[in-house]
PDB file of N, CA and C in Angstrom:
ATOM      1  N   MET A   1      88.505  13.502 128.596  1.00  0.00           N
ATOM      2  CA  MET A   1      89.802  12.582 128.221  1.00  0.00           C
ATOM      3  C   MET A   1      89.084  13.003 126.438  1.00  0.00           C
ATOM      4  N   ILE A   2      90.077  12.843 125.822  1.00  0.00           N
ATOM      5  CA  ILE A   2      90.179  13.302 124.427  1.00  0.00           C
ATOM      6  C   ILE A   2      89.847  12.062 123.574  1.00  0.00           C
ATOM      7  N   ASP A   3      88.876  11.759 122.822  1.00  0.00           N
ATOM      8  CA  ASP A   3      88.961  10.816 121.784  1.00  0.00           C
ATOM      9  C   ASP A   3      90.254  10.421 120.755  1.00  0.00           C
ATOM     10  N   LYS A   4      91.468  10.263 120.787  1.00  0.00           N
ATOM     11  CA  LYS A   4      91.525  10.423 119.494  1.00  0.00           C
ATOM     12  C   LYS A   4      91.592   9.912 118.420  1.00  0.00           C
ATOM     13  N   LYS A   5      91.005   8.872 118.275  1.00  0.00           N
ATOM     14  CA  LYS A   5      90.623   8.418 116.475  1.00  0.00           C
ATOM     15  C   LYS A   5      89.391   9.903 116.424  1.00  0.00           C
ATOM     16  N   SER A   6      88.143   9.668 116.871  1.00  0.00           N
ATOM     17  CA  SER A   6      87.761  11.030 116.381  1.00  0.00           C
ATOM     18  C   SER A   6      88.621  12.046 116.319  1.00  0.00           C
ATOM     19  N   SER A   7      89.380  13.030 116.876  1.00  0.00           N
ATOM     20  CA  SER A   7      90.214  13.846 116.773  1.00  0.00           C
ATOM     21  C   SER A   7      90.877  14.015 115.396  1.00  0.00           C
ATOM     22  N   THR A   8      91.504  12.817 115.126  1.00  0.00           N
ATOM     23  CA  THR A   8      92.052  12.259 114.190  1.00  0.00           C
ATOM     24  C   THR A   8      90.833  12.294 112.809  1.00  0.00           C
ATOM     25  N   LEU A   9      90.260  12.010 112.532  1.00  0.00           N
ATOM     26  CA  LEU A   9      89.090  12.162 112.068  1.00  0.00           C
ATOM     27  C   LEU A   9      88.861  13.326 112.064  1.00  0.00           C
ATOM     28  N   LYS A  10      88.301  14.254 112.201  1.00  0.00           N
ATOM     29  CA  LYS A  10      88.045  15.266 112.346  1.00  0.00           C
ATOM     30  C   LYS A  10      89.184  16.191 111.268  1.00  0.00           C
ATOM     31  N   VAL A  11      90.184  16.133 111.693  1.00  0.00           N
ATOM     32  CA  VAL A  11      91.379  16.696 111.192  1.00  0.00           C
ATOM     33  C   VAL A  11      91.620  15.988 109.817  1.00  0.00           C
ATOM     34  N   LEU A  12      91.485  14.907 109.655  1.00  0.00           N
ATOM     35  CA  LEU A  12      91.909  14.529 108.010  1.00  0.00           C
ATOM     36  C   LEU A  12      90.694  15.115 107.583  1.00  0.00           C
ATOM     37  N   SER A  13      89.464  15.008 108.040  1.00  0.00           N
ATOM     38  CA  SER A  13      88.472  15.561 107.225  1.00  0.00           C
ATOM     39  C   SER A  13      88.324  17.399 106.853  1.00  0.00           C
ATOM     40  N   PHE A  14      89.024  17.353 107.408  1.00  0.00           N
ATOM     41  CA  PHE A  14      89.205  19.281 107.384  1.00  0.00           C
ATOM     42  C   PHE A  14      90.285  19.294 106.343  1.00  0.00           C
ATOM     43  N   THR A  15      91.479  18.184 106.440  1.00  0.00           N
ATOM     44  CA  THR A  15      92.424  19.016 105.938  1.00  0.00           C
ATOM     45  C   THR A  15      92.134  18.825 103.854  1.00  0.00           C
ATOM     46  N   PHE A  16      91.681  17.155 104.203  1.00  0.00           N
ATOM     47  CA  PHE A  16      90.614  16.479 102.754  1.00  0.00           C
ATOM     48  C   PHE A  16      89.886  17.319 102.154  1.00  0.00           C
ATOM     49  N   LEU A  17      89.303  18.480 103.137  1.00  0.00           N
ATOM     50  CA  LEU A  17      88.091  19.442 102.492  1.00  0.00           C
ATOM     51  C   LEU A  17      88.898  20.862 101.742  1.00  0.00           C
ATOM     52  N   ILE A  18      89.655  21.448 103.214  1.00  0.00           N
ATOM     53  CA  ILE A  18      90.694  22.889 102.380  1.00  0.00           C
ATOM     54  C   ILE A  18      91.445  22.102 100.780  1.00  0.00           C
ATOM     55  N   THR A  19      92.298  20.713 101.026  1.00  0.00           N
ATOM     56  CA  THR A  19      92.885  20.056  99.145  1.00  0.00           C
ATOM     57  C   THR A  19      91.740  20.012  98.433  1.00  0.00           C
ATOM     58  N   LEU A  20      90.767  19.276  98.772  1.00  0.00           N
ATOM     59  CA  LEU A  20      89.273  19.219  97.818  1.00  0.00           C
ATOM     60  C   LEU A  20      89.051  20.859  96.986  1.00  0.00           C
ATOM     61  N   LEU A  21      88.621  21.644  98.128  1.00  0.00           N
ATOM     62  CA  LEU A  21      88.796  23.368  97.375  1.00  0.00           C
ATOM     63  C   LEU A  21      89.618  23.739  97.185  1.00  0.00           C
ATOM     64  N   PHE A  22      90.372  23.532  97.085  1.00  0.00           N
ATOM     65  CA  PHE A  22      92.318  23.898  96.792  1.00  0.00           C
ATOM     66  C   PHE A  22      92.078  23.570  95.372  1.00  0.00           C
ATOM     67  N   SER A  23      92.201  22.443  95.074  1.00  0.00           N
ATOM     68  CA  SER A  23      92.509  21.569  93.730  1.00  0.00           C
ATOM     69  C   SER A  23      91.145  22.143  92.896  1.00  0.00           C
ATOM     70  N   ILE A  24      89.506  22.109  93.386  1.00  0.00           N
ATOM     71  CA  ILE A  24      88.691  22.826  92.603  1.00  0.00           C
ATOM     72  C   ILE A  24      89.154  24.023  92.090  1.00  0.00           C
ATOM     73  N   ASN A  25      89.488  25.430  92.987  1.00  0.00           N
ATOM     74  CA  ASN A  25      89.797  26.339  92.683  1.00  0.00           C
ATOM     75  C   ASN A  25      91.226  26.581  91.882  1.00  0.00           C
ATOM     76  N   ALA A  26      91.960  25.921  91.933  1.00  0.00           N
ATOM     77  CA  ALA A  26      93.194  25.889  91.253  1.00  0.00           C
ATOM     78  C   ALA A  26      93.197  25.524  89.952  1.00  0.00           C
ATOM     79  N   CYS A  27      92.108  24.630  89.624  1.00  0.00           N
ATOM     80  CA  CYS A  27      91.877  23.775  88.289  1.00  0.00           C
ATOM     81  C   CYS A  27      90.810  24.603  87.517  1.00  0.00           C
ATOM     82  N   LYS A  28      90.530  25.374  88.081  1.00  0.00           N
ATOM     83  CA  LYS A  28      89.226  25.832  87.234  1.00  0.00           C
ATOM     84  C   LYS A  28      89.098  26.533  86.250  1.00  0.00           C
ATOM     85  N   SER A  29      88.571  26.180  85.892  1.00  0.00           N
ATOM     86  CA  SER A  29      89.274  26.985  83.620  1.00  0.00           C
ATOM     87  C   SER A  29      88.128  27.088  83.334  1.00  0.00           C
ATOM     88  N   ASP A  30      87.780  28.247  82.198  1.00  0.00           N
ATOM     89  CA  ASP A  30      86.632  28.352  81.142  1.00  0.00           C
ATOM     90  C   ASP A  30      87.464  28.966  79.531  1.00  0.00           C
ATOM     91  N   ASP A  31      86.677  29.208  78.850  1.00  0.00           N
ATOM     92  CA  ASP A  31      86.976  29.057  77.585  1.00  0.00           C
ATOM     93  C   ASP A  31      87.270  30.977  77.406  1.00  0.00           C
ATOM     94  N   ASN A  32      86.420  32.027  78.100  1.00  0.00           N
ATOM     95  CA  ASN A  32      86.696  33.301  78.318  1.00  0.00           C
ATOM     96  C   ASN A  32      88.521  33.502  78.156  1.00  0.00           C
ATOM     97  N   ASP A  33      88.751  34.883  77.199  1.00  0.00           N
ATOM     98  CA  ASP A  33      90.305  35.040  76.926  1.00  0.00           C
ATOM     99  C   ASP A  33      90.521  35.892  77.545  1.00  0.00           C
ATOM    100  N   ASP A  34      90.087  36.525  78.715  1.00  0.00           N
ATOM    101  CA  ASP A  34      90.029  37.157  79.848  1.00  0.00           C
ATOM    102  C   ASP A  34      90.603  35.937  81.078  1.00  0.00           C
ATOM    103  N   SER A  35      90.705  35.226  80.848  1.00  0.00           N
ATOM    104  CA  SER A  35      91.230  34.456  82.047  1.00  0.00           C
ATOM    105  C   SER A  35      93.286  34.095  81.569  1.00  0.00           C
ATOM    106  N   ALA A  36      92.810  34.534  80.382  1.00  0.00           N
ATOM    107  CA  ALA A  36      94.891  34.193  80.177  1.00  0.00           C
ATOM    108  C   ALA A  36      95.651  35.507  80.751  1.00  0.00           C
ATOM    109  N   LEU A  37      97.001  35.360  81.243  1.00  0.00           N
ATOM    110  CA  LEU A  37      97.589  36.004  81.816  1.00  0.00           C
ATOM    111  C   LEU A  37      97.767  37.423  80.759  1.00  0.00           C
ATOM    112  N   VAL A  38      97.801  38.958  81.421  1.00  0.00           N
ATOM    113  CA  VAL A  38      97.998  39.630  80.831  1.00  0.00           C
ATOM    114  C   VAL A  38      99.781  39.692  81.229  1.00  0.00           C
ATOM    115  N   ALA A  39     100.537  39.889  80.174  1.00  0.00           N
ATOM    116  CA  ALA A  39     102.267  40.408  79.940  1.00  0.00           C
ATOM    117  C   ALA A  39     102.065  42.123  80.565  1.00  0.00           C
ATOM    118  N   ALA A  40     102.832  42.463  81.768  1.00  0.00           N
ATOM    119  CA  ALA A  40     102.988  42.973  81.950  1.00  0.00           C
ATOM    120  C   ALA A  40     104.031  44.151  81.459  1.00  0.00           C
ATOM    121  N   PRO A  41     103.626  45.580  80.743  1.00  0.00           N
ATOM    122  CA  PRO A  41     104.698  46.494  79.651  1.00  0.00           C
ATOM    123  C   PRO A  41     105.642  46.820  80.206  1.00  0.00           C
ATOM    124  N   THR A  42     106.286  46.846  80.195  1.00  0.00           N
ATOM    125  CA  THR A  42     107.819  47.465  80.224  1.00  0.00           C
ATOM    126  C   THR A  42     107.733  48.854  79.975  1.00  0.00           C
ATOM    127  N   VAL A  43     108.169  49.993  81.647  1.00  0.00           N
ATOM    128  CA  VAL A  43     108.052  51.190  81.312  1.00  0.00           C
ATOM    129  C   VAL A  43     109.602  51.735  81.100  1.00  0.00           C
ATOM    130  N   SER A  44     109.914  52.676  80.642  1.00  0.00           N
ATOM    131  CA  SER A  44     111.327  53.242  79.974  1.00  0.00           C
ATOM    132  C   SER A  44     111.350  54.556  81.156  1.00  0.00           C
ATOM    133  N   ALA A  45     112.546  55.202  80.870  1.00  0.00           N
ATOM    134  CA  ALA A  45     113.105  55.887  81.403  1.00  0.00           C
ATOM    135  C   ALA A  45     112.246  56.864  81.303  1.00  0.00           C
ATOM    136  N   ALA A  46     112.233  58.340  82.542  1.00  0.00           N
ATOM    137  CA  ALA A  46     111.275  59.536  82.142  1.00  0.00           C
ATOM    138  C   ALA A  46     111.663  60.476  81.546  1.00  0.00           C
ATOM    139  N   THR A  47     111.042  61.179  80.089  1.00  0.00           N
ATOM    140  CA  THR A  47     111.756  61.989  79.129  1.00  0.00           C
ATOM    141  C   THR A  47     110.894  63.153  79.311  1.00  0.00           C
ATOM    142  N   GLU A  48     111.965  64.140  78.986  1.00  0.00           N
ATOM    143  CA  GLU A  48     111.555  65.693  79.349  1.00  0.00           C
ATOM    144  C   GLU A  48     111.048  65.930  80.311  1.00  0.00           C
ATOM    145  N   ILE A  49     111.579  65.804  81.257  1.00  0.00           N
ATOM    146  CA  ILE A  49     111.342  66.526  82.766  1.00  0.00           C
ATOM    147  C   ILE A  49     111.560  67.926  82.765  1.00  0.00           C
ATOM    148  N   THR A  50     110.811  68.627  83.156  1.00  0.00           N
ATOM    149  CA  THR A  50     110.466  70.208  83.829  1.00  0.00           C
ATOM    150  C   THR A  50     110.170  69.727  85.116  1.00  0.00           C
ATOM    151  N   ALA A  51     109.929  71.075  85.469  1.00  0.00           N
ATOM    152  CA  ALA A  51     109.554  71.545  87.122  1.00  0.00           C
ATOM    153  C   ALA A  51     108.076  71.092  87.577  1.00  0.00           C
ATOM    154  N   THR A  52     107.272  70.417  86.236  1.00  0.00           N
ATOM    155  CA  THR A  52     105.839  70.754  87.212  1.00  0.00           C
ATOM    156  C   THR A  52     105.852  69.135  86.429  1.00  0.00           C
ATOM    157  N   THR A  53     106.321  68.649  85.224  1.00  0.00           N
ATOM    158  CA  THR A  53     105.813  67.472  84.314  1.00  0.00           C
ATOM    159  C   THR A  53     106.961  66.731  84.242  1.00  0.00           C
ATOM    160  N   PHE A  54     106.549  65.623  83.321  1.00  0.00           N
ATOM    161  CA  PHE A  54     107.501  64.564  82.780  1.00  0.00           C
ATOM    162  C   PHE A  54     106.658  63.584  81.496  1.00  0.00           C
ATOM    163  N   ASN A  55     107.099  62.986  80.855  1.00  0.00           N
ATOM    164  CA  ASN A  55     106.926  61.920  79.990  1.00  0.00           C
ATOM    165  C   ASN A  55     107.321  60.753  80.272  1.00  0.00           C
ATOM    166  N   VAL A  56     106.268  59.654  79.807  1.00  0.00           N
ATOM    167  CA  VAL A  56     106.514  58.534  80.749  1.00  0.00           C
ATOM    168  C   VAL A  56     106.330  57.553  79.080  1.00  0.00           C
ATOM    169  N   SER A  57     106.905  56.297  79.092  1.00  0.00           N
ATOM    170  CA  SER A  57     106.554  55.880  77.762  1.00  0.00           C
ATOM    171  C   SER A  57     106.604  54.202  78.534  1.00  0.00           C
ATOM    172  N   TRP A  58     105.802  53.278  77.782  1.00  0.00           N
ATOM    173  CA  TRP A  58     106.264  51.961  78.155  1.00  0.00           C
ATOM    174  C   TRP A  58     106.207  51.169  76.555  1.00  0.00           C
ATOM    175  N   THR A  59     106.106  49.686  76.838  1.00  0.00           N
ATOM    176  CA  THR A  59     106.237  48.592  75.499  1.00  0.00           C
ATOM    177  C   THR A  59     104.713  48.623  75.312  1.00  0.00           C
ATOM    178  N   GLU A  60     104.074  48.428  74.316  1.00  0.00           N
ATOM    179  CA  GLU A  60     102.941  47.764  73.682  1.00  0.00           C
ATOM    180  C   GLU A  60     102.630  46.528  74.415  1.00  0.00           C
ATOM    181  N   VAL A  61     101.392  46.379  74.806  1.00  0.00           N
ATOM    182  CA  VAL A  61     101.278  44.529  75.319  1.00  0.00           C
ATOM    183  C   VAL A  61      99.674  44.393  74.162  1.00  0.00           C
ATOM    184  N   ALA A  62     100.393  43.361  73.345  1.00  0.00           N
ATOM    185  CA  ALA A  62      99.651  42.924  72.345  1.00  0.00           C
ATOM    186  C   ALA A  62      98.018  42.488  73.014  1.00  0.00           C
ATOM    187  N   GLY A  63      96.565  42.547  72.432  1.00  0.00           N
ATOM    188  CA  GLY A  63      95.562  42.801  72.728  1.00  0.00           C
ATOM    189  C   GLY A  63      94.730  43.294  73.921  1.00  0.00           C
ATOM    190  N   VAL A  64      95.547  43.704  74.778  1.00  0.00           N
ATOM    191  CA  VAL A  64      94.821  44.833  75.813  1.00  0.00           C
ATOM    192  C   VAL A  64      94.134  45.557  75.554  1.00  0.00           C
ATOM    193  N   ASP A  65      92.936  45.831  76.681  1.00  0.00           N
ATOM    194  CA  ASP A  65      91.979  46.987  76.130  1.00  0.00           C
ATOM    195  C   ASP A  65      92.727  48.636  76.447  1.00  0.00           C
ATOM    196  N   MET A  66      93.616  48.295  77.655  1.00  0.00           N
ATOM    197  CA  MET A  66      94.208  49.985  78.364  1.00  0.00           C
ATOM    198  C   MET A  66      95.559  49.545  79.018  1.00  0.00           C
ATOM    199  N   TYR A  67      95.904  50.654  79.833  1.00  0.00           N
ATOM    200  CA  TYR A  67      96.855  50.493  80.638  1.00  0.00           C
ATOM    201  C   TYR A  67      96.199  51.733  81.888  1.00  0.00           C
ATOM    202  N   LEU A  68      97.386  51.585  82.689  1.00  0.00           N
ATOM    203  CA  LEU A  68      97.043  51.644  83.784  1.00  0.00           C
ATOM    204  C   LEU A  68      98.266  52.421  84.804  1.00  0.00           C
ATOM    205  N   LEU A  69      98.345  53.945  84.420  1.00  0.00           N
ATOM    206  CA  LEU A  69      99.466  54.467  85.448  1.00  0.00           C
ATOM    207  C   LEU A  69      99.362  54.740  87.152  1.00  0.00           C
ATOM    208  N   ASP A  70     100.222  54.532  87.872  1.00  0.00           N
ATOM    209  CA  ASP A  70     100.362  55.310  88.591  1.00  0.00           C
ATOM    210  C   ASP A  70     101.284  56.182  89.364  1.00  0.00           C
ATOM    211  N   VAL A  71     100.975  56.767  89.437  1.00  0.00           N
ATOM    212  CA  VAL A  71     102.333  58.383  89.626  1.00  0.00           C
ATOM    213  C   VAL A  71     102.318  58.507  91.414  1.00  0.00           C
ATOM    214  N   SER A  72     103.307  58.984  92.495  1.00  0.00           N
ATOM    215  CA  SER A  72     103.643  59.037  93.770  1.00  0.00           C
ATOM    216  C   SER A  72     104.710  59.678  93.769  1.00  0.00           C
ATOM    217  N   PRO A  73     104.817  60.757  94.677  1.00  0.00           N
ATOM    218  CA  PRO A  73     106.060  60.746  95.531  1.00  0.00           C
ATOM    219  C   PRO A  73     106.697  59.870  96.672  1.00  0.00           C
ATOM    220  N   GLU A  74     105.672  59.313  96.463  1.00  0.00           N
ATOM    221  CA  GLU A  74     106.493  57.855  97.252  1.00  0.00           C
ATOM    222  C   GLU A  74     106.127  56.420  96.868  1.00  0.00           C
ATOM    223  N   ALA A  75     107.799  56.012  97.627  1.00  0.00           N
ATOM    224  CA  ALA A  75     108.121  54.236  96.633  1.00  0.00           C
ATOM    225  C   ALA A  75     107.063  53.554  96.967  1.00  0.00           C
ATOM    226  N   PHE A  76     105.852  53.689  98.153  1.00  0.00           N
ATOM    227  CA  PHE A  76     105.548  52.365  98.153  1.00  0.00           C
ATOM    228  C   PHE A  76     103.560  52.934  97.405  1.00  0.00           C
ATOM    229  N   PHE A  77     103.808  54.061  96.665  1.00  0.00           N
ATOM    230  CA  PHE A  77     102.396  54.458  96.399  1.00  0.00           C
ATOM    231  C   PHE A  77     101.652  55.446  97.167  1.00  0.00           C
ATOM    232  N   SER A  78     101.691  55.670  98.068  1.00  0.00           N
ATOM    233  CA  SER A  78     100.520  55.980  98.090  1.00  0.00           C
ATOM    234  C   SER A  78     101.321  57.562  99.527  1.00  0.00           C
ATOM    235  N   PRO A  79     100.607  58.977  98.890  1.00  0.00           N
ATOM    236  CA  PRO A  79      99.913  58.990  98.033  1.00  0.00           C
ATOM    237  C   PRO A  79      99.932  58.900  96.722  1.00  0.00           C
ATOM    238  N   LYS A  80      99.027  59.190  95.990  1.00  0.00           N
ATOM    239  CA  LYS A  80      99.596  59.219  94.531  1.00  0.00           C
ATOM    240  C   LYS A  80      99.246  60.288  94.125  1.00  0.00           C
ATOM    241  N   VAL A  81      99.651  60.385  92.695  1.00  0.00           N
ATOM    242  CA  VAL A  81      99.717  62.497  92.442  1.00  0.00           C
ATOM    243  C   VAL A  81      97.831  62.012  91.975  1.00  0.00           C
ATOM    244  N   THR A  82      97.616  63.737  92.311  1.00  0.00           N
ATOM    245  CA  THR A  82      96.280  63.683  91.888  1.00  0.00           C
ATOM    246  C   THR A  82      95.813  63.419  89.785  1.00  0.00           C
ATOM    247  N   ASP A  83      94.794  62.544  89.949  1.00  0.00           N
ATOM    248  CA  ASP A  83      94.864  62.004  88.355  1.00  0.00           C
ATOM    249  C   ASP A  83      95.370  61.445  87.984  1.00  0.00           C
ATOM    250  N   PHE A  84      96.340  60.503  88.468  1.00  0.00           N
ATOM    251  CA  PHE A  84      97.390  59.475  87.965  1.00  0.00           C
ATOM    252  C   PHE A  84      97.512  58.412  89.413  1.00  0.00           C
ATOM    253  N   ASP A  85      96.310  57.906  89.618  1.00  0.00           N
ATOM    254  CA  ASP A  85      95.814  56.817  90.317  1.00  0.00           C
ATOM    255  C   ASP A  85      95.288  55.925  89.632  1.00  0.00           C
ATOM    256  N   LYS A  86      96.274  54.654  88.707  1.00  0.00           N
ATOM    257  CA  LYS A  86      95.788  53.951  87.935  1.00  0.00           C
ATOM    258  C   LYS A  86      94.774  54.997  86.846  1.00  0.00           C
ATOM    259  N   LYS A  87      96.026  55.621  86.168  1.00  0.00           N
ATOM    260  CA  LYS A  87      95.130  56.567  84.856  1.00  0.00           C
ATOM    261  C   LYS A  87      94.699  55.977  83.953  1.00  0.00           C
ATOM    262  N   GLU A  88      93.402  55.737  83.659  1.00  0.00           N
ATOM    263  CA  GLU A  88      93.160  54.985  82.341  1.00  0.00           C
ATOM    264  C   GLU A  88      93.704  55.639  80.914  1.00  0.00           C
ATOM    265  N   LEU A  89      94.050  54.438  79.977  1.00  0.00           N
ATOM    266  CA  LEU A  89      94.810  55.330  78.911  1.00  0.00           C
ATOM    267  C   LEU A  89      94.958  53.968  77.898  1.00  0.00           C
ATOM    268  N   THR A  90      94.691  54.447  76.795  1.00  0.00           N
ATOM    269  CA  THR A  90      95.070  53.067  75.758  1.00  0.00           C
ATOM    270  C   THR A  90      96.006  53.911  74.668  1.00  0.00           C
ATOM    271  N   GLU A  91      96.890  54.959  75.253  1.00  0.00           N
ATOM    272  CA  GLU A  91      98.334  54.977  74.679  1.00  0.00           C
ATOM    273  C   GLU A  91      99.608  54.360  75.120  1.00  0.00           C
ATOM    274  N   THR A  92     100.506  54.244  74.515  1.00  0.00           N
ATOM    275  CA  THR A  92     101.907  54.048  75.754  1.00  0.00           C
ATOM    276  C   THR A  92     102.892  55.004  75.908  1.00  0.00           C
ATOM    277  N   SER A  93     102.099  56.308  76.202  1.00  0.00           N
ATOM    278  CA  SER A  93     103.017  57.178  76.496  1.00  0.00           C
ATOM    279  C   SER A  93     102.169  58.169  76.964  1.00  0.00           C
ATOM    280  N   VAL A  94     102.207  59.065  77.993  1.00  0.00           N
ATOM    281  CA  VAL A  94     101.593  60.257  78.379  1.00  0.00           C
ATOM    282  C   VAL A  94     102.360  61.243  79.184  1.00  0.00           C
ATOM    283  N   THR A  95     101.793  62.451  79.235  1.00  0.00           N
ATOM    284  CA  THR A  95     102.796  63.694  79.919  1.00  0.00           C
ATOM    285  C   THR A  95     102.142  63.505  81.344  1.00  0.00           C
ATOM    286  N   VAL A  96     102.492  63.647  82.572  1.00  0.00           N
ATOM    287  CA  VAL A  96     102.516  63.553  83.913  1.00  0.00           C
ATOM    288  C   VAL A  96     102.941  65.173  84.086  1.00  0.00           C
ATOM    289  N   THR A  97     101.347  65.039  84.778  1.00  0.00           N
ATOM    290  CA  THR A  97     101.407  67.243  84.846  1.00  0.00           C
ATOM    291  C   THR A  97     101.058  67.032  86.663  1.00  0.00           C
ATOM    292  N   GLY A  98     101.087  67.995  87.019  1.00  0.00           N
ATOM    293  CA  GLY A  98     100.591  69.053  88.356  1.00  0.00           C
ATOM    294  C   GLY A  98     101.691  68.177  88.857  1.00  0.00           C
ATOM    295  N   LEU A  99     102.838  68.424  89.501  1.00  0.00           N
ATOM    296  CA  LEU A  99     103.922  68.095  89.595  1.00  0.00           C
ATOM    297  C   LEU A  99     104.514  69.052  90.696  1.00  0.00           C
ATOM    298  N   THR A 100     105.522  68.984  91.721  1.00  0.00           N
ATOM    299  CA  THR A 100     105.628  70.165  92.295  1.00  0.00           C
ATOM    300  C   THR A 100     108.066  70.202  92.285  1.00  0.00           C
ATOM    301  N   ALA A 101     108.257  71.025  91.852  1.00  0.00           N
ATOM    302  CA  ALA A 101     109.519  71.157  91.159  1.00  0.00           C
ATOM    303  C   ALA A 101     110.966  70.518  92.405  1.00  0.00           C
ATOM    304  N   LYS A 102     111.704  69.745  92.433  1.00  0.00           N
ATOM    305  CA  LYS A 102     112.846  69.347  92.719  1.00  0.00           C
ATOM    306  C   LYS A 102     112.413  67.786  93.658  1.00  0.00           C
ATOM    307  N   THR A 103     111.035  67.295  93.136  1.00  0.00           N
ATOM    308  CA  THR A 103     110.552  66.043  94.004  1.00  0.00           C
ATOM    309  C   THR A 103     110.917  65.120  93.246  1.00  0.00           C
ATOM    310  N   LYS A 104     110.987  63.619  93.985  1.00  0.00           N
ATOM    311  CA  LYS A 104     111.375  62.692  92.858  1.00  0.00           C
ATOM    312  C   LYS A 104     110.062  62.441  93.433  1.00  0.00           C
ATOM    313  N   TYR A 105     109.580  61.456  91.901  1.00  0.00           N
ATOM    314  CA  TYR A 105     108.133  61.011  91.599  1.00  0.00           C
ATOM    315  C   TYR A 105     108.934  59.101  90.868  1.00  0.00           C
ATOM    316  N   TYR A 106     107.641  57.965  91.426  1.00  0.00           N
ATOM    317  CA  TYR A 106     107.660  56.943  91.040  1.00  0.00           C
ATOM    318  C   TYR A 106     106.506  56.599  90.224  1.00  0.00           C
ATOM    319  N   TYR A 107     107.301  55.989  88.829  1.00  0.00           N
ATOM    320  CA  TYR A 107     105.849  55.103  88.421  1.00  0.00           C
ATOM    321  C   TYR A 107     105.971  53.188  87.990  1.00  0.00           C
ATOM    322  N   ARG A 108     104.456  53.713  87.709  1.00  0.00           N
ATOM    323  CA  ARG A 108     104.272  51.720  86.882  1.00  0.00           C
ATOM    324  C   ARG A 108     103.714  52.157  86.539  1.00  0.00           C
ATOM    325  N   VAL A 109     103.146  50.908  85.259  1.00  0.00           N
ATOM    326  CA  VAL A 109     102.198  50.680  84.446  1.00  0.00           C
ATOM    327  C   VAL A 109     101.254  49.386  84.438  1.00  0.00           C
ATOM    328  N   TYR A 110     100.369  48.853  84.638  1.00  0.00           N
ATOM    329  CA  TYR A 110      99.700  48.166  84.563  1.00  0.00           C
ATOM    330  C   TYR A 110      98.846  47.631  83.023  1.00  0.00           C
ATOM    331  N   ALA A 111      98.722  46.827  82.663  1.00  0.00           N
ATOM    332  CA  ALA A 111      98.040  46.196  81.193  1.00  0.00           C
ATOM    333  C   ALA A 111      96.640  45.974  81.857  1.00  0.00           C
ATOM    334  N   LYS A 112      95.733  45.610  81.082  1.00  0.00           N
ATOM    335  CA  LYS A 112      94.102  45.780  81.661  1.00  0.00           C
ATOM    336  C   LYS A 112      93.387  44.916  80.250  1.00  0.00           C
ATOM    337  N   LYS A 113      93.200  43.468  80.365  1.00  0.00           N
ATOM    338  CA  LYS A 113      92.334  43.186  79.516  1.00  0.00           C
ATOM    339  C   LYS A 113      90.973  42.764  79.905  1.00  0.00           C
ATOM    340  N   GLY A 114      89.783  42.902  79.643  1.00  0.00           N
ATOM    341  CA  GLY A 114      88.869  42.461  80.123  1.00  0.00           C
ATOM    342  C   GLY A 114      89.106  43.038  81.642  1.00  0.00           C
ATOM    343  N   THR A 115      88.479  41.647  82.397  1.00  0.00           N
ATOM    344  CA  THR A 115      88.783  42.617  83.562  1.00  0.00           C
ATOM    345  C   THR A 115      89.936  42.282  84.466  1.00  0.00           C
ATOM    346  N   THR A 116      90.837  41.540  83.604  1.00  0.00           N
ATOM    347  CA  THR A 116      91.919  40.843  84.338  1.00  0.00           C
ATOM    348  C   THR A 116      93.218  41.952  83.912  1.00  0.00           C
ATOM    349  N   TYR A 117      94.042  42.224  84.855  1.00  0.00           N
ATOM    350  CA  TYR A 117      95.163  43.284  85.444  1.00  0.00           C
ATOM    351  C   TYR A 117      96.609  42.348  84.814  1.00  0.00           C
ATOM    352  N   SER A 118      97.476  42.998  84.458  1.00  0.00           N
ATOM    353  CA  SER A 118      98.753  42.517  84.556  1.00  0.00           C
ATOM    354  C   SER A 118      99.434  42.850  86.126  1.00  0.00           C
ATOM    355  N   LEU A 119     100.561  42.267  85.735  1.00  0.00           N
ATOM    356  CA  LEU A 119     101.202  42.600  87.212  1.00  0.00           C
ATOM    357  C   LEU A 119     101.719  43.864  87.186  1.00  0.00           C
ATOM    358  N   ALA A 120     102.620  44.688  88.026  1.00  0.00           N
ATOM    359  CA  ALA A 120     102.872  46.054  87.501  1.00  0.00           C
ATOM    360  C   ALA A 120     104.329  46.088  87.020  1.00  0.00           C
ATOM    361  N   SER A 121     104.245  46.729  86.306  1.00  0.00           N
ATOM    362  CA  SER A 121     105.649  46.928  85.498  1.00  0.00           C
ATOM    363  C   SER A 121     106.306  47.036  86.492  1.00  0.00           C
ATOM    364  N   SER A 122     107.625  47.204  85.710  1.00  0.00           N
ATOM    365  CA  SER A 122     109.099  47.657  87.287  1.00  0.00           C
ATOM    366  C   SER A 122     108.792  49.007  87.709  1.00  0.00           C
ATOM    367  N   VAL A 123     109.288  49.506  88.669  1.00  0.00           N
ATOM    368  CA  VAL A 123     108.888  50.407  89.176  1.00  0.00           C
ATOM    369  C   VAL A 123     110.286  51.367  88.657  1.00  0.00           C
ATOM    370  N   LYS A 124     110.368  52.867  87.924  1.00  0.00           N
ATOM    371  CA  LYS A 124     110.819  53.749  88.058  1.00  0.00           C
ATOM    372  C   LYS A 124     111.184  55.353  89.131  1.00  0.00           C
ATOM    373  N   SER A 125     111.566  55.884  88.832  1.00  0.00           N
ATOM    374  CA  SER A 125     111.432  57.111  89.623  1.00  0.00           C
ATOM    375  C   SER A 125     112.725  58.284  88.758  1.00  0.00           C
ATOM    376  N   THR A 126     111.732  59.715  88.480  1.00  0.00           N
ATOM    377  CA  THR A 126     113.130  60.702  87.752  1.00  0.00           C
ATOM    378  C   THR A 126     112.310  61.616  89.187  1.00  0.00           C
ATOM    379  N   THR A 127     113.262  62.673  89.035  1.00  0.00           N
ATOM    380  CA  THR A 127     112.913  64.052  89.512  1.00  0.00           C
ATOM    381  C   THR A 127     113.131  65.491  88.676  1.00  0.00           C
ATOM    382  N   THR A 128     111.929  65.814  89.248  1.00  0.00           N
ATOM    383  CA  THR A 128     111.415  67.058  88.749  1.00  0.00           C
ATOM    384  C   THR A 128     112.944  68.464  88.544  1.00  0.00           C
ATOM    385  N   ILE A 129     113.175  69.486  88.373  1.00  0.00           N
ATOM    386  CA  ILE A 129     113.879  70.172  88.213  1.00  0.00           C
ATOM    387  C   ILE A 129     113.232  71.147  88.512  1.00  0.00           C
ATOM    388  N   GLU A 130     114.414  72.391  88.683  1.00  0.00           N
ATOM    389  CA  GLU A 130     114.035  73.359  89.763  1.00  0.00           C
ATOM    390  C   GLU A 130     113.127  74.241  88.749  1.00  0.00           C
TER     391      GLU A 130
END
């Protein structure tokens, strides 16, 4: 036979503990500037498209240390193009190289400040020419 009072108390204690831990973590704050949210860059359409390269650019995000660029022939970004798996950049444009002719590529950019990353930009795509 189950003791209803004991079971109820255990469930309430467990729920209280979960709520307490969540509240503590959700309210955690410090004076570190890196804890602020980092805005995602806005990526532009590719330009200067050739059989093996294209240029990509994005908007500058104030105060960030760098940008990270992903390029992939797959919409879900696996696999990624060699050297373009979170490629670290300090500029707001780059020429993507090492591509295959007549292939569709997807790309996105993140901004990084300290140890904090933005969400990914919107995903854009372009197709290399013949």
